[in-house]
Amino acid sequence: MALAWPALAGAGEVAIVMSEDAAVYRTVAETIQSRLEGAAAVDIVTIPALRNPKQKDLRFLVAIGSQAANAAVASHIDVPLLVTLLPRSAFDRLAAERRRAADPQPLSALYLDQPIGRQFDLIRLAMPNARRIGVLLGAESDHRYPALQKAAQEKQMHLAVQRVSGDSEIAPALQKLLPEIDVLLALPDPSVFNASTIQPILLATYRQQLPLFGFSAAYVRAGAIASLHSTPVQIGNQAADMLRTALAKGQLPPPRYSGQYTLATNPHVAHSLGIPLEGEAALMQRLQQLEER
């Protein structure tokens, strides 16, 4: 993969900006580039290239990850921006900042996380008797409460919420929340779920014999019972589809969740919690059939 370090190449119609030259970002970028072959010239760049952009033929800018998204916005490059590998809560905050700044640059996104309704459907399929869903909300996820409440009502589930503003508040919040719920659902909010808090949260749920539903394969490996997530290849494929539409119509489609996703489960944790968890393939098939109705 060729990286255009000093400046946006100028010949490309699409420039993909990576937060850093790491495997996950490269996979998304290379997937987009491969899928757009023959449809548009695509340059893959890193953040320093935004400091001296050449925009002669550039039509669309793609940001992969949080750092790339912030840098692309700060660059004021006057082309539509598609943001990827960013949870909806983080994108909503970025979009709100843009509105306050009266920035007219068109902005869209392919969210990293999964829609709330899909996550509730997974919980119901995996644990048919679970009705009480617990959520910890932090600074970045608090505004998702109305969507969570609406999904709970639609799925005929009860939503229990504790709000936290820092790591020190998580343990007391869990003490109040865990006795009232059947399942804890993790949302991608780094002020709540991060490298220093995930193990204490998993330990607290395990002591209460409650499962945690995560938002990445890493959380399943750490001890969550299951997770829905989109892989870098799936994100790249969906982003390429959005860009193909944009190249044909001249504007980006609205922000959306990925229609491609993967299920990971931890049968060992399920067994230790006494939960008869269905196999991944069968559970995934039932979830997809439910979404197709």
C-alpha atoms as a PDB file:
ATOM      1  CA  MET A   1       0.000   0.000   0.000  1.00  0.00           C
ATOM      2  CA  ALA A   2       1.411   3.350  -1.041  1.00  0.00           C
ATOM      3  CA  LEU A   3       1.065   6.159   1.502  1.00  0.00           C
ATOM      4  CA  ALA A   4       1.094   9.766   0.289  1.00  0.00           C
ATOM      5  CA  TRP A   5       2.866  11.423   3.222  1.00  0.00           C
ATOM      6  CA  PRO A   6       3.707  14.997   2.231  1.00  0.00           C
ATOM      7  CA  ALA A   7       0.441  16.073   0.625  1.00  0.00           C
ATOM      8  CA  LEU A   8      -2.820  14.845  -0.801  1.00  0.00           C
ATOM      9  CA  ALA A   9      -1.863  13.471  -4.147  1.00  0.00           C
ATOM     10  CA  GLY A  10      -4.089  15.680  -6.252  1.00  0.00           C
ATOM     11  CA  ALA A  11      -4.788  13.011  -8.859  1.00  0.00           C
ATOM     12  CA  GLY A  12      -7.215  11.079  -6.704  1.00  0.00           C
ATOM     13  CA  GLU A  13     -10.955  11.646  -6.563  1.00  0.00           C
ATOM     14  CA  VAL A  14     -11.102  10.024  -3.101  1.00  0.00           C
ATOM     15  CA  ALA A  15      -8.530  10.523  -0.337  1.00  0.00           C
ATOM     16  CA  ILE A  16      -8.567   8.150   2.631  1.00  0.00           C
ATOM     17  CA  VAL A  17      -6.967   9.525   5.791  1.00  0.00           C
ATOM     18  CA  MET A  18      -5.903   7.017   8.452  1.00  0.00           C
ATOM     19  CA  SER A  19      -5.533   7.885  12.129  1.00  0.00           C
ATOM     20  CA  GLU A  20      -2.251   5.970  12.057  1.00  0.00           C
ATOM     21  CA  ASP A  21      -0.488   3.362   9.971  1.00  0.00           C
ATOM     22  CA  ALA A  22      -1.873   0.394  11.929  1.00  0.00           C
ATOM     23  CA  ALA A  23      -3.340  -2.890  10.702  1.00  0.00           C
ATOM     24  CA  VAL A  24      -7.003  -2.121  11.430  1.00  0.00           C
ATOM     25  CA  TYR A  25      -6.869   1.215   9.596  1.00  0.00           C
ATOM     26  CA  ARG A  26      -4.907  -0.242   6.692  1.00  0.00           C
ATOM     27  CA  THR A  27      -7.459  -3.030   6.286  1.00  0.00           C
ATOM     28  CA  VAL A  28     -10.349  -0.576   6.041  1.00  0.00           C
ATOM     29  CA  ALA A  29      -8.412   1.680   3.660  1.00  0.00           C
ATOM     30  CA  GLU A  30      -7.225  -1.118   1.400  1.00  0.00           C
ATOM     31  CA  THR A  31     -10.702  -2.648   1.250  1.00  0.00           C
ATOM     32  CA  ILE A  32     -12.180   0.673   0.152  1.00  0.00           C
ATOM     33  CA  GLN A  33      -9.406   1.191  -2.389  1.00  0.00           C
ATOM     34  CA  SER A  34      -9.866  -2.306  -3.821  1.00  0.00           C
ATOM     35  CA  ARG A  35     -13.654  -1.991  -4.035  1.00  0.00           C
ATOM     36  CA  LEU A  36     -13.417   1.371  -5.818  1.00  0.00           C
ATOM     37  CA  GLU A  37     -10.914   0.170  -8.396  1.00  0.00           C
ATOM     38  CA  GLY A  38     -12.165   1.234 -11.817  1.00  0.00           C
ATOM     39  CA  ALA A  39     -14.716   3.620 -10.299  1.00  0.00           C
ATOM     40  CA  ALA A  40     -12.408   6.295  -8.861  1.00  0.00           C
ATOM     41  CA  ALA A  41      -8.746   7.078  -8.239  1.00  0.00           C
ATOM     42  CA  VAL A  42      -8.085   6.584  -4.536  1.00  0.00           C
ATOM     43  CA  ASP A  43      -5.147   7.880  -2.479  1.00  0.00           C
ATOM     44  CA  ILE A  44      -4.408   6.556   1.020  1.00  0.00           C
ATOM     45  CA  VAL A  45      -2.722   9.136   3.244  1.00  0.00           C
ATOM     46  CA  THR A  46      -1.886   9.797   6.861  1.00  0.00           C
ATOM     47  CA  ILE A  47      -2.726  12.866   8.936  1.00  0.00           C
ATOM     48  CA  PRO A  48       0.406  14.919   8.054  1.00  0.00           C
ATOM     49  CA  ALA A  49      -0.803  14.975   4.427  1.00  0.00           C
ATOM     50  CA  LEU A  50      -3.737  17.168   5.471  1.00  0.00           C
ATOM     51  CA  ARG A  51      -1.409  20.040   6.351  1.00  0.00           C
ATOM     52  CA  ASN A  52      -0.618  20.777   2.712  1.00  0.00           C
ATOM     53  CA  PRO A  53      -3.547  19.510   0.664  1.00  0.00           C
ATOM     54  CA  LYS A  54      -3.802  19.631  -3.116  1.00  0.00           C
ATOM     55  CA  GLN A  55      -7.474  19.461  -4.002  1.00  0.00           C
ATOM     56  CA  LYS A  56      -7.521  19.785  -7.769  1.00  0.00           C
ATOM     57  CA  ASP A  57      -9.450  16.563  -8.489  1.00  0.00           C
ATOM     58  CA  LEU A  58     -10.481  15.594  -4.968  1.00  0.00           C
ATOM     59  CA  ARG A  59     -14.212  14.901  -4.625  1.00  0.00           C
ATOM     60  CA  PHE A  60     -14.532  13.029  -1.314  1.00  0.00           C
ATOM     61  CA  LEU A  61     -12.474  12.671   1.854  1.00  0.00           C
ATOM     62  CA  VAL A  62     -12.688   9.571   4.079  1.00  0.00           C
ATOM     63  CA  ALA A  63     -11.496   9.606   7.700  1.00  0.00           C
ATOM     64  CA  ILE A  64     -10.704   6.295   9.395  1.00  0.00           C
ATOM     65  CA  GLY A  65     -10.769   6.608  13.178  1.00  0.00           C
ATOM     66  CA  SER A  66     -11.158   9.414  15.687  1.00  0.00           C
ATOM     67  CA  GLN A  67      -7.831  11.186  15.133  1.00  0.00           C
ATOM     68  CA  ALA A  68      -8.317  11.202  11.373  1.00  0.00           C
ATOM     69  CA  ALA A  69     -11.868  12.529  11.736  1.00  0.00           C
ATOM     70  CA  ASN A  70     -10.773  15.403  13.973  1.00  0.00           C
ATOM     71  CA  ALA A  71      -7.830  16.220  11.697  1.00  0.00           C
ATOM     72  CA  ALA A  72     -10.002  16.146   8.574  1.00  0.00           C
ATOM     73  CA  VAL A  73     -12.496  18.544  10.152  1.00  0.00           C
ATOM     74  CA  ALA A  74      -9.707  20.851  11.350  1.00  0.00           C
ATOM     75  CA  SER A  75      -8.127  20.887   7.871  1.00  0.00           C
ATOM     76  CA  HIS A  76     -11.170  22.698   6.392  1.00  0.00           C
ATOM     77  CA  ILE A  77     -10.713  20.832   3.107  1.00  0.00           C
ATOM     78  CA  ASP A  78     -13.794  21.830   1.156  1.00  0.00           C
ATOM     79  CA  VAL A  79     -15.063  18.429   0.036  1.00  0.00           C
ATOM     80  CA  PRO A  80     -17.655  16.079   1.626  1.00  0.00           C
ATOM     81  CA  LEU A  81     -16.271  13.974   4.481  1.00  0.00           C
ATOM     82  CA  LEU A  82     -17.176  10.353   5.262  1.00  0.00           C
ATOM     83  CA  VAL A  83     -16.201   9.247   8.782  1.00  0.00           C
ATOM     84  CA  THR A  84     -15.594   5.566   9.591  1.00  0.00           C
ATOM     85  CA  LEU A  85     -14.472   3.515  12.616  1.00  0.00           C
ATOM     86  CA  LEU A  86     -16.191   5.950  14.951  1.00  0.00           C
ATOM     87  CA  PRO A  87     -19.108   5.048  17.273  1.00  0.00           C
ATOM     88  CA  ARG A  88     -22.324   6.936  16.713  1.00  0.00           C
ATOM     89  CA  SER A  89     -22.000   8.804  20.018  1.00  0.00           C
ATOM     90  CA  ALA A  90     -18.596  10.189  18.992  1.00  0.00           C
ATOM     91  CA  PHE A  91     -19.842  11.094  15.515  1.00  0.00           C
ATOM     92  CA  ASP A  92     -22.909  12.852  16.948  1.00  0.00           C
ATOM     93  CA  ARG A  93     -20.612  14.963  19.121  1.00  0.00           C
ATOM     94  CA  LEU A  94     -18.421  15.812  16.129  1.00  0.00           C
ATOM     95  CA  ALA A  95     -21.447  16.727  14.013  1.00  0.00           C
ATOM     96  CA  ALA A  96     -22.841  18.918  16.799  1.00  0.00           C
ATOM     97  CA  GLU A  97     -19.539  20.790  17.052  1.00  0.00           C
ATOM     98  CA  ARG A  98     -19.647  21.357  13.308  1.00  0.00           C
ATOM     99  CA  ARG A  99     -23.162  22.764  13.495  1.00  0.00           C
ATOM    100  CA  ARG A 100     -22.187  25.144  16.304  1.00  0.00           C
ATOM    101  CA  ALA A 101     -19.262  26.337  14.211  1.00  0.00           C
ATOM    102  CA  ALA A 102     -21.602  26.827  11.228  1.00  0.00           C
ATOM    103  CA  ASP A 103     -19.266  24.708   9.100  1.00  0.00           C
ATOM    104  CA  PRO A 104     -21.040  23.979   5.787  1.00  0.00           C
ATOM    105  CA  GLN A 105     -18.866  20.988   4.788  1.00  0.00           C
ATOM    106  CA  PRO A 106     -21.126  17.941   4.118  1.00  0.00           C
ATOM    107  CA  LEU A 107     -20.521  15.214   6.673  1.00  0.00           C
ATOM    108  CA  SER A 108     -21.647  11.585   6.833  1.00  0.00           C
ATOM    109  CA  ALA A 109     -20.625   8.420   8.650  1.00  0.00           C
ATOM    110  CA  LEU A 110     -20.607   4.670   8.722  1.00  0.00           C
ATOM    111  CA  TYR A 111     -20.919   3.991  12.452  1.00  0.00           C
ATOM    112  CA  LEU A 112     -18.578   1.543  14.131  1.00  0.00           C
ATOM    113  CA  ASP A 113     -21.112   0.307  16.687  1.00  0.00           C
ATOM    114  CA  GLN A 114     -24.351  -1.606  16.170  1.00  0.00           C
ATOM    115  CA  PRO A 115     -27.928  -0.252  16.321  1.00  0.00           C
ATOM    116  CA  ILE A 116     -29.569  -0.586  19.724  1.00  0.00           C
ATOM    117  CA  GLY A 117     -32.497  -2.620  18.360  1.00  0.00           C
ATOM    118  CA  ARG A 118     -30.117  -5.204  16.881  1.00  0.00           C
ATOM    119  CA  GLN A 119     -28.356  -5.560  20.224  1.00  0.00           C
ATOM    120  CA  PHE A 120     -31.649  -6.007  22.071  1.00  0.00           C
ATOM    121  CA  ASP A 121     -32.690  -8.633  19.512  1.00  0.00           C
ATOM    122  CA  LEU A 122     -29.469 -10.559  20.167  1.00  0.00           C
ATOM    123  CA  ILE A 123     -30.084 -10.478  23.923  1.00  0.00           C
ATOM    124  CA  ARG A 124     -33.630 -11.773  23.463  1.00  0.00           C
ATOM    125  CA  LEU A 125     -32.530 -14.577  21.134  1.00  0.00           C
ATOM    126  CA  ALA A 126     -29.605 -15.589  23.339  1.00  0.00           C
ATOM    127  CA  MET A 127     -31.511 -15.306  26.626  1.00  0.00           C
ATOM    128  CA  PRO A 128     -35.283 -15.532  26.013  1.00  0.00           C
ATOM    129  CA  ASN A 129     -36.116 -14.993  29.699  1.00  0.00           C
ATOM    130  CA  ALA A 130     -33.999 -11.844  30.090  1.00  0.00           C
ATOM    131  CA  ARG A 131     -36.191  -8.747  30.291  1.00  0.00           C
ATOM    132  CA  ARG A 132     -34.240  -6.321  32.459  1.00  0.00           C
ATOM    133  CA  ILE A 133     -31.374  -4.677  30.542  1.00  0.00           C
ATOM    134  CA  GLY A 134     -28.816  -2.604  32.420  1.00  0.00           C
ATOM    135  CA  VAL A 135     -26.677   0.147  30.890  1.00  0.00           C
ATOM    136  CA  LEU A 136     -23.954   2.405  32.252  1.00  0.00           C
ATOM    137  CA  LEU A 137     -24.029   5.800  30.544  1.00  0.00           C
ATOM    138  CA  GLY A 138     -21.081   8.194  30.479  1.00  0.00           C
ATOM    139  CA  ALA A 139     -20.352  11.589  28.982  1.00  0.00           C
ATOM    140  CA  GLU A 140     -20.239  10.326  25.398  1.00  0.00           C
ATOM    141  CA  SER A 141     -23.199   7.946  25.542  1.00  0.00           C
ATOM    142  CA  ASP A 142     -25.637   9.827  27.784  1.00  0.00           C
ATOM    143  CA  HIS A 143     -27.476  11.409  24.853  1.00  0.00           C
ATOM    144  CA  ARG A 144     -28.311   7.885  23.584  1.00  0.00           C
ATOM    145  CA  TYR A 145     -30.769   7.387  26.454  1.00  0.00           C
ATOM    146  CA  PRO A 146     -33.897   8.256  24.398  1.00  0.00           C
ATOM    147  CA  ALA A 147     -32.897   5.731  21.721  1.00  0.00           C
ATOM    148  CA  LEU A 148     -32.233   3.090  24.373  1.00  0.00           C
ATOM    149  CA  GLN A 149     -35.580   3.745  26.047  1.00  0.00           C
ATOM    150  CA  LYS A 150     -37.419   3.596  22.727  1.00  0.00           C
ATOM    151  CA  ALA A 151     -35.766   0.306  21.770  1.00  0.00           C
ATOM    152  CA  ALA A 152     -36.578  -1.184  25.174  1.00  0.00           C
ATOM    153  CA  GLN A 153     -40.230  -0.276  24.778  1.00  0.00           C
ATOM    154  CA  GLU A 154     -40.372  -1.678  21.243  1.00  0.00           C
ATOM    155  CA  LYS A 155     -38.752  -4.958  22.356  1.00  0.00           C
ATOM    156  CA  GLN A 156     -40.917  -5.104  25.515  1.00  0.00           C
ATOM    157  CA  MET A 157     -37.924  -4.957  27.816  1.00  0.00           C
ATOM    158  CA  HIS A 158     -37.208  -2.929  30.921  1.00  0.00           C
ATOM    159  CA  LEU A 159     -34.253  -0.542  30.786  1.00  0.00           C
ATOM    160  CA  ALA A 160     -32.286   0.278  33.939  1.00  0.00           C
ATOM    161  CA  VAL A 161     -29.648   3.014  33.709  1.00  0.00           C
ATOM    162  CA  GLN A 162     -26.909   4.375  35.924  1.00  0.00           C
ATOM    163  CA  ARG A 163     -24.988   7.476  34.861  1.00  0.00           C
ATOM    164  CA  VAL A 164     -21.305   7.815  35.706  1.00  0.00           C
ATOM    165  CA  SER A 165     -18.885  10.692  35.168  1.00  0.00           C
ATOM    166  CA  GLY A 166     -15.615   8.921  35.949  1.00  0.00           C
ATOM    167  CA  ASP A 167     -13.937   5.624  36.813  1.00  0.00           C
ATOM    168  CA  SER A 168     -14.457   6.157  40.549  1.00  0.00           C
ATOM    169  CA  GLU A 169     -18.245   6.162  40.102  1.00  0.00           C
ATOM    170  CA  ILE A 170     -18.451   2.856  38.238  1.00  0.00           C
ATOM    171  CA  ALA A 171     -18.267   0.516  41.247  1.00  0.00           C
ATOM    172  CA  PRO A 172     -21.014   2.323  43.221  1.00  0.00           C
ATOM    173  CA  ALA A 173     -23.158   2.483  40.078  1.00  0.00           C
ATOM    174  CA  LEU A 174     -22.785  -1.262  39.533  1.00  0.00           C
ATOM    175  CA  GLN A 175     -23.741  -1.956  43.154  1.00  0.00           C
ATOM    176  CA  LYS A 176     -27.052  -0.185  42.512  1.00  0.00           C
ATOM    177  CA  LEU A 177     -27.596  -1.504  38.994  1.00  0.00           C
ATOM    178  CA  LEU A 178     -26.660  -5.189  39.033  1.00  0.00           C
ATOM    179  CA  PRO A 179     -29.310  -6.411  41.528  1.00  0.00           C
ATOM    180  CA  GLU A 180     -32.022  -4.917  39.306  1.00  0.00           C
ATOM    181  CA  ILE A 181     -31.082  -6.468  35.944  1.00  0.00           C
ATOM    182  CA  ASP A 182     -30.703  -9.733  34.017  1.00  0.00           C
ATOM    183  CA  VAL A 183     -28.063  -8.505  31.537  1.00  0.00           C
ATOM    184  CA  LEU A 184     -25.510  -5.684  31.355  1.00  0.00           C
ATOM    185  CA  LEU A 185     -25.139  -4.156  27.889  1.00  0.00           C
ATOM    186  CA  ALA A 186     -21.853  -2.365  27.183  1.00  0.00           C
ATOM    187  CA  LEU A 187     -21.842   0.682  24.922  1.00  0.00           C
ATOM    188  CA  PRO A 188     -18.664   2.044  23.251  1.00  0.00           C
ATOM    189  CA  ASP A 189     -18.130   4.980  25.590  1.00  0.00           C
ATOM    190  CA  PRO A 190     -14.448   5.282  26.598  1.00  0.00           C
ATOM    191  CA  SER A 191     -15.375   7.223  29.723  1.00  0.00           C
ATOM    192  CA  VAL A 192     -17.071   4.046  31.000  1.00  0.00           C
ATOM    193  CA  PHE A 193     -15.580   1.066  29.175  1.00  0.00           C
ATOM    194  CA  ASN A 194     -11.824   1.294  28.778  1.00  0.00           C
ATOM    195  CA  ALA A 195      -8.677  -0.700  29.477  1.00  0.00           C
ATOM    196  CA  SER A 196      -8.690   0.157  33.191  1.00  0.00           C
ATOM    197  CA  THR A 197     -12.384  -0.521  33.853  1.00  0.00           C
ATOM    198  CA  ILE A 198     -13.314  -3.576  31.785  1.00  0.00           C
ATOM    199  CA  GLN A 199     -11.856  -6.184  34.156  1.00  0.00           C
ATOM    200  CA  PRO A 200     -13.487  -4.714  37.310  1.00  0.00           C
ATOM    201  CA  ILE A 201     -16.814  -4.494  35.458  1.00  0.00           C
ATOM    202  CA  LEU A 202     -16.549  -8.097  34.238  1.00  0.00           C
ATOM    203  CA  LEU A 203     -15.606  -9.277  37.730  1.00  0.00           C
ATOM    204  CA  ALA A 204     -18.581  -7.465  39.270  1.00  0.00           C
ATOM    205  CA  THR A 205     -21.021  -8.990  36.787  1.00  0.00           C
ATOM    206  CA  TYR A 206     -19.506 -12.457  37.221  1.00  0.00           C
ATOM    207  CA  ARG A 207     -19.905 -12.268  40.997  1.00  0.00           C
ATOM    208  CA  GLN A 208     -23.577 -11.470  40.469  1.00  0.00           C
ATOM    209  CA  GLN A 209     -23.824 -14.332  37.939  1.00  0.00           C
ATOM    210  CA  LEU A 210     -24.892 -11.866  35.258  1.00  0.00           C
ATOM    211  CA  PRO A 211     -23.731 -11.830  31.625  1.00  0.00           C
ATOM    212  CA  LEU A 212     -22.154  -8.857  29.871  1.00  0.00           C
ATOM    213  CA  PHE A 213     -22.916  -8.264  26.200  1.00  0.00           C
ATOM    214  CA  GLY A 214     -20.002  -6.388  24.651  1.00  0.00           C
ATOM    215  CA  PHE A 215     -19.291  -4.448  21.471  1.00  0.00           C
ATOM    216  CA  SER A 216     -16.093  -6.079  20.173  1.00  0.00           C
ATOM    217  CA  ALA A 217     -14.403  -9.446  19.819  1.00  0.00           C
ATOM    218  CA  ALA A 218     -11.843  -8.284  22.385  1.00  0.00           C
ATOM    219  CA  TYR A 219     -14.582  -7.983  25.002  1.00  0.00           C
ATOM    220  CA  VAL A 220     -15.719 -11.543  24.307  1.00  0.00           C
ATOM    221  CA  ARG A 221     -12.154 -12.771  24.745  1.00  0.00           C
ATOM    222  CA  ALA A 222     -11.988 -10.825  28.021  1.00  0.00           C
ATOM    223  CA  GLY A 223     -15.150 -12.455  29.369  1.00  0.00           C
ATOM    224  CA  ALA A 224     -18.267 -10.950  27.792  1.00  0.00           C
ATOM    225  CA  ILE A 225     -20.795 -13.606  26.845  1.00  0.00           C
ATOM    226  CA  ALA A 226     -21.386 -12.261  23.327  1.00  0.00           C
ATOM    227  CA  SER A 227     -20.726  -9.323  21.043  1.00  0.00           C
ATOM    228  CA  LEU A 228     -21.992  -7.916  17.770  1.00  0.00           C
ATOM    229  CA  HIS A 229     -19.400  -5.992  15.810  1.00  0.00           C
ATOM    230  CA  SER A 230     -18.413  -5.101  12.264  1.00  0.00           C
ATOM    231  CA  THR A 231     -14.953  -6.198  11.129  1.00  0.00           C
ATOM    232  CA  PRO A 232     -12.554  -3.833   9.334  1.00  0.00           C
ATOM    233  CA  VAL A 233     -13.281  -5.629   6.035  1.00  0.00           C
ATOM    234  CA  GLN A 234     -17.031  -5.262   6.566  1.00  0.00           C
ATOM    235  CA  ILE A 235     -16.612  -1.568   7.394  1.00  0.00           C
ATOM    236  CA  GLY A 236     -14.459  -1.107   4.287  1.00  0.00           C
ATOM    237  CA  ASN A 237     -17.003  -2.840   2.058  1.00  0.00           C
ATOM    238  CA  GLN A 238     -19.911  -0.761   3.357  1.00  0.00           C
ATOM    239  CA  ALA A 239     -17.926   2.485   3.149  1.00  0.00           C
ATOM    240  CA  ALA A 240     -17.020   1.660  -0.456  1.00  0.00           C
ATOM    241  CA  ASP A 241     -20.710   1.128  -1.237  1.00  0.00           C
ATOM    242  CA  MET A 242     -21.507   4.554   0.210  1.00  0.00           C
ATOM    243  CA  LEU A 243     -18.723   6.137  -1.849  1.00  0.00           C
ATOM    244  CA  ARG A 244     -19.912   4.454  -5.048  1.00  0.00           C
ATOM    245  CA  THR A 245     -23.333   5.982  -4.439  1.00  0.00           C
ATOM    246  CA  ALA A 246     -21.734   9.350  -3.703  1.00  0.00           C
ATOM    247  CA  LEU A 247     -19.612   9.250  -6.857  1.00  0.00           C
ATOM    248  CA  ALA A 248     -22.706   8.495  -8.940  1.00  0.00           C
ATOM    249  CA  LYS A 249     -25.014  11.042  -7.306  1.00  0.00           C
ATOM    250  CA  GLY A 250     -22.538  13.742  -6.291  1.00  0.00           C
ATOM    251  CA  GLN A 251     -23.323  13.618  -2.575  1.00  0.00           C
ATOM    252  CA  LEU A 252     -22.798  11.264   0.349  1.00  0.00           C
ATOM    253  CA  PRO A 253     -25.678   9.133   1.655  1.00  0.00           C
ATOM    254  CA  PRO A 254     -26.921   9.928   5.175  1.00  0.00           C
ATOM    255  CA  PRO A 255     -25.073   8.473   8.202  1.00  0.00           C
ATOM    256  CA  ARG A 256     -25.875   4.813   8.821  1.00  0.00           C
ATOM    257  CA  TYR A 257     -25.055   1.661  10.693  1.00  0.00           C
ATOM    258  CA  SER A 258     -23.310  -1.157   8.896  1.00  0.00           C
ATOM    259  CA  GLY A 259     -25.586  -3.802   7.440  1.00  0.00           C
ATOM    260  CA  GLN A 260     -22.690  -6.260   7.673  1.00  0.00           C
ATOM    261  CA  TYR A 261     -21.763  -7.523  11.111  1.00  0.00           C
ATOM    262  CA  THR A 262     -20.233 -10.472  12.960  1.00  0.00           C
ATOM    263  CA  LEU A 263     -21.267 -12.338  16.091  1.00  0.00           C
ATOM    264  CA  ALA A 264     -18.766 -13.634  18.638  1.00  0.00           C
ATOM    265  CA  THR A 265     -19.713 -15.678  21.717  1.00  0.00           C
ATOM    266  CA  ASN A 266     -17.901 -17.069  24.731  1.00  0.00           C
ATOM    267  CA  PRO A 267     -19.433 -20.490  25.467  1.00  0.00           C
ATOM    268  CA  HIS A 268     -17.071 -21.074  28.410  1.00  0.00           C
ATOM    269  CA  VAL A 269     -18.344 -17.999  30.243  1.00  0.00           C
ATOM    270  CA  ALA A 270     -21.933 -18.895  29.322  1.00  0.00           C
ATOM    271  CA  HIS A 271     -21.467 -22.381  30.777  1.00  0.00           C
ATOM    272  CA  SER A 272     -19.964 -21.004  33.992  1.00  0.00           C
ATOM    273  CA  LEU A 273     -22.995 -18.711  34.348  1.00  0.00           C
ATOM    274  CA  GLY A 274     -25.415 -21.579  33.690  1.00  0.00           C
ATOM    275  CA  ILE A 275     -26.651 -20.052  30.430  1.00  0.00           C
ATOM    276  CA  PRO A 276     -27.449 -22.529  27.602  1.00  0.00           C
ATOM    277  CA  LEU A 277     -26.019 -20.396  24.809  1.00  0.00           C
ATOM    278  CA  GLU A 278     -26.757 -21.406  21.241  1.00  0.00           C
ATOM    279  CA  GLY A 279     -23.907 -21.868  18.765  1.00  0.00           C
ATOM    280  CA  GLU A 280     -22.642 -18.786  16.924  1.00  0.00           C
ATOM    281  CA  ALA A 281     -23.781 -19.883  13.446  1.00  0.00           C
ATOM    282  CA  ALA A 282     -27.319 -20.769  14.533  1.00  0.00           C
ATOM    283  CA  LEU A 283     -27.694 -17.644  16.655  1.00  0.00           C
ATOM    284  CA  MET A 284     -26.392 -15.444  13.848  1.00  0.00           C
ATOM    285  CA  GLN A 285     -28.803 -17.026  11.361  1.00  0.00           C
ATOM    286  CA  ARG A 286     -31.786 -16.396  13.633  1.00  0.00           C
ATOM    287  CA  LEU A 287     -30.712 -12.796  14.196  1.00  0.00           C
ATOM    288  CA  GLN A 288     -30.376 -12.146  10.471  1.00  0.00           C
ATOM    289  CA  GLN A 289     -33.749 -13.741   9.783  1.00  0.00           C
ATOM    290  CA  LEU A 290     -35.294 -11.516  12.448  1.00  0.00           C
ATOM    291  CA  GLU A 291     -33.807  -8.414  10.815  1.00  0.00           C
ATOM    292  CA  GLU A 292     -35.116  -9.422   7.390  1.00  0.00           C
ATOM    293  CA  ARG A 293     -38.737  -9.510   8.572  1.00  0.00           C
END
